[in-house]
Amino acid sequence: MRCGICGEPATSHAVHLRERKRAETHRCAAHADAADETPIGTEVISPMPTPEDAKVDVLGEARQLLDAWCEQRAYDAICTMHGGLCSINGLNDGWQEFLAALKRLRIIAKNENSRINEADAQKVNLLIGVVSRALWR
């Protein structure tokens, strides 16, 4: 993780719930006491599976995103998604690694230079919700 202020490696991490949104802050040692927060917010994910979850082809959507990012040369996103897909071993720990990769992609998408467009970021959020609900049934 990187500091939300200067981009240096983060040494502290905090999670807050604000107005039904989850916000994370990452700070380096130099900015650990900074009052300014850089939220990485998404809506709180419902813990209950929804009927729409069964209609989502998680691996198909993930591969489509990976193919699109290859064409766009979004190297950070490619490496993160590829690592997440390779970690899927059919067990919960593999799916948890994939979920962690999706959450890293959500953070990467906030960077203007990531080459991840808004539609792809929404797909990543959809996948995070579906995989989270499947893991926590």
Protein backbone atom coordinates (compact mmCIF):
# COMPACT_ATOMS: atom_id res chain seq x y z
CA MET A 1 0.00 0.00 0.00
CA ARG A 2 1.06 3.57 -0.63
CA CYS A 3 0.59 6.74 1.40
CA GLY A 4 -2.53 8.61 0.27
CA ILE A 5 -0.64 11.93 0.49
CA CYS A 6 2.82 11.39 -0.98
CA GLY A 7 2.78 7.91 -2.53
CA GLU A 8 5.58 6.50 -0.35
CA PRO A 9 5.15 2.98 1.13
CA ALA A 10 2.54 3.10 3.91
CA THR A 11 3.35 2.17 7.48
CA SER A 12 -0.16 2.64 8.89
CA HIS A 13 -3.61 1.60 7.73
CA ALA A 14 -7.03 2.59 9.10
CA VAL A 15 -10.57 1.56 8.15
CA HIS A 16 -13.64 3.70 8.91
CA LEU A 17 -17.35 3.47 8.18
CA ARG A 18 -18.70 6.85 7.15
CA GLU A 19 -22.23 7.33 5.82
CA ARG A 20 -22.60 3.64 4.90
CA LYS A 21 -19.31 3.80 3.03
CA ARG A 22 -16.12 2.04 3.94
CA ALA A 23 -13.13 4.36 3.87
CA GLU A 24 -9.51 3.28 4.15
CA THR A 25 -6.51 5.50 4.78
CA HIS A 26 -2.89 4.63 4.23
CA ARG A 27 -0.06 6.78 5.61
CA CYS A 28 3.73 6.71 5.55
CA ALA A 29 5.73 7.45 8.69
CA ALA A 30 6.09 11.14 7.74
CA HIS A 31 2.31 11.61 7.38
CA ALA A 32 1.06 9.26 10.12
CA ASP A 33 -0.39 12.17 12.12
CA ALA A 34 -1.97 13.94 9.14
CA ALA A 35 -5.62 14.87 9.72
CA ASP A 36 -6.41 14.96 6.00
CA GLU A 37 -7.97 11.64 4.97
CA THR A 38 -7.94 10.21 1.49
CA PRO A 39 -10.95 7.87 1.45
CA ILE A 40 -11.07 4.87 -0.82
CA GLY A 41 -14.79 4.48 -0.48
CA THR A 42 -17.26 1.93 -1.72
CA GLU A 43 -20.66 1.03 -0.45
CA VAL A 44 -20.77 -1.50 2.34
CA ILE A 45 -21.24 -4.93 0.80
CA SER A 46 -24.37 -6.80 1.80
CA PRO A 47 -23.52 -10.05 3.59
CA MET A 48 -26.47 -11.90 2.05
CA PRO A 49 -26.19 -13.51 -1.41
CA THR A 50 -28.48 -11.98 -4.00
CA PRO A 51 -30.25 -13.71 -6.92
CA GLU A 52 -28.10 -11.68 -9.33
CA ASP A 53 -24.95 -13.28 -7.90
CA ALA A 54 -25.80 -16.59 -9.58
CA LYS A 55 -25.92 -14.83 -12.97
CA VAL A 56 -22.37 -13.44 -12.70
CA ASP A 57 -19.61 -15.50 -14.34
CA VAL A 58 -16.84 -14.41 -11.99
CA LEU A 59 -13.96 -16.06 -13.85
CA GLY A 60 -15.32 -14.99 -17.25
CA GLU A 61 -15.65 -11.37 -16.12
CA ALA A 62 -12.17 -11.45 -14.59
CA ARG A 63 -10.67 -12.81 -17.82
CA GLN A 64 -12.48 -10.15 -19.87
CA LEU A 65 -11.02 -7.45 -17.65
CA LEU A 66 -7.57 -9.01 -17.97
CA ASP A 67 -7.85 -9.10 -21.78
CA ALA A 68 -8.99 -5.46 -21.91
CA TRP A 69 -6.12 -4.36 -19.67
CA CYS A 70 -3.64 -6.23 -21.86
CA GLU A 71 -4.80 -4.17 -24.84
CA GLN A 72 -4.61 -0.97 -22.78
CA ARG A 73 -1.21 -1.95 -21.33
CA ALA A 74 -2.44 -1.41 -17.78
CA TYR A 75 0.49 -3.30 -16.28
CA ASP A 76 -0.32 -2.85 -12.57
CA ALA A 77 -3.85 -4.12 -13.15
CA ILE A 78 -2.61 -7.02 -15.30
CA CYS A 79 -0.13 -8.20 -12.67
CA THR A 80 -2.65 -7.90 -9.85
CA MET A 81 -5.47 -9.70 -11.69
CA HIS A 82 -3.18 -12.42 -13.01
CA GLY A 83 -1.86 -13.11 -9.52
CA GLY A 84 -5.39 -13.28 -8.18
CA LEU A 85 -6.55 -15.66 -10.89
CA CYS A 86 -3.53 -17.92 -10.38
CA SER A 87 -4.26 -18.14 -6.65
CA ILE A 88 -7.69 -19.74 -7.19
CA ASN A 89 -7.27 -23.37 -6.18
CA GLY A 90 -10.88 -24.30 -5.51
CA LEU A 91 -10.52 -23.83 -1.76
CA ASN A 92 -11.56 -20.86 0.38
CA ASP A 93 -7.98 -19.63 0.84
CA GLY A 94 -7.53 -19.35 -2.94
CA TRP A 95 -10.77 -17.41 -3.30
CA GLN A 96 -9.74 -15.15 -0.42
CA GLU A 97 -6.47 -14.40 -2.25
CA PHE A 98 -8.49 -13.60 -5.37
CA LEU A 99 -10.74 -11.30 -3.31
CA ALA A 100 -7.66 -9.56 -1.89
CA ALA A 101 -6.40 -9.04 -5.46
CA LEU A 102 -9.75 -7.52 -6.46
CA LYS A 103 -9.57 -5.14 -3.50
CA ARG A 104 -6.04 -4.13 -4.55
CA LEU A 105 -7.42 -3.47 -8.05
CA ARG A 106 -10.06 -1.19 -6.56
CA ILE A 107 -7.28 0.83 -4.95
CA ILE A 108 -5.22 0.85 -8.16
CA ALA A 109 -8.27 2.10 -10.10
CA LYS A 110 -8.32 5.28 -7.97
CA ASN A 111 -4.96 6.29 -9.49
CA GLU A 112 -5.43 8.42 -12.62
CA ASN A 113 -2.45 6.74 -14.32
CA SER A 114 -3.79 3.20 -13.81
CA ARG A 115 -5.53 3.05 -17.22
CA ILE A 116 -8.56 1.44 -15.54
CA ASN A 117 -11.71 3.14 -16.80
CA GLU A 118 -14.89 3.68 -14.77
CA ALA A 119 -16.74 0.74 -16.36
CA ASP A 120 -13.91 -1.62 -15.44
CA ALA A 121 -13.80 -0.24 -11.90
CA GLN A 122 -17.54 -0.94 -11.57
CA LYS A 123 -16.99 -4.51 -12.76
CA VAL A 124 -14.26 -4.93 -10.15
CA ASN A 125 -16.68 -3.69 -7.47
CA LEU A 126 -19.33 -6.13 -8.73
CA LEU A 127 -16.84 -9.01 -8.53
CA ILE A 128 -15.79 -7.96 -5.02
CA GLY A 129 -19.42 -8.08 -3.89
CA VAL A 130 -20.15 -11.47 -5.47
CA VAL A 131 -16.98 -13.15 -4.20
CA SER A 132 -17.36 -11.61 -0.72
CA ARG A 133 -20.90 -12.85 -0.38
CA ALA A 134 -19.95 -16.32 -1.64
CA LEU A 135 -17.13 -16.59 0.89
CA TRP A 136 -19.20 -15.40 3.86
CA ARG A 137 -22.30 -17.57 3.35
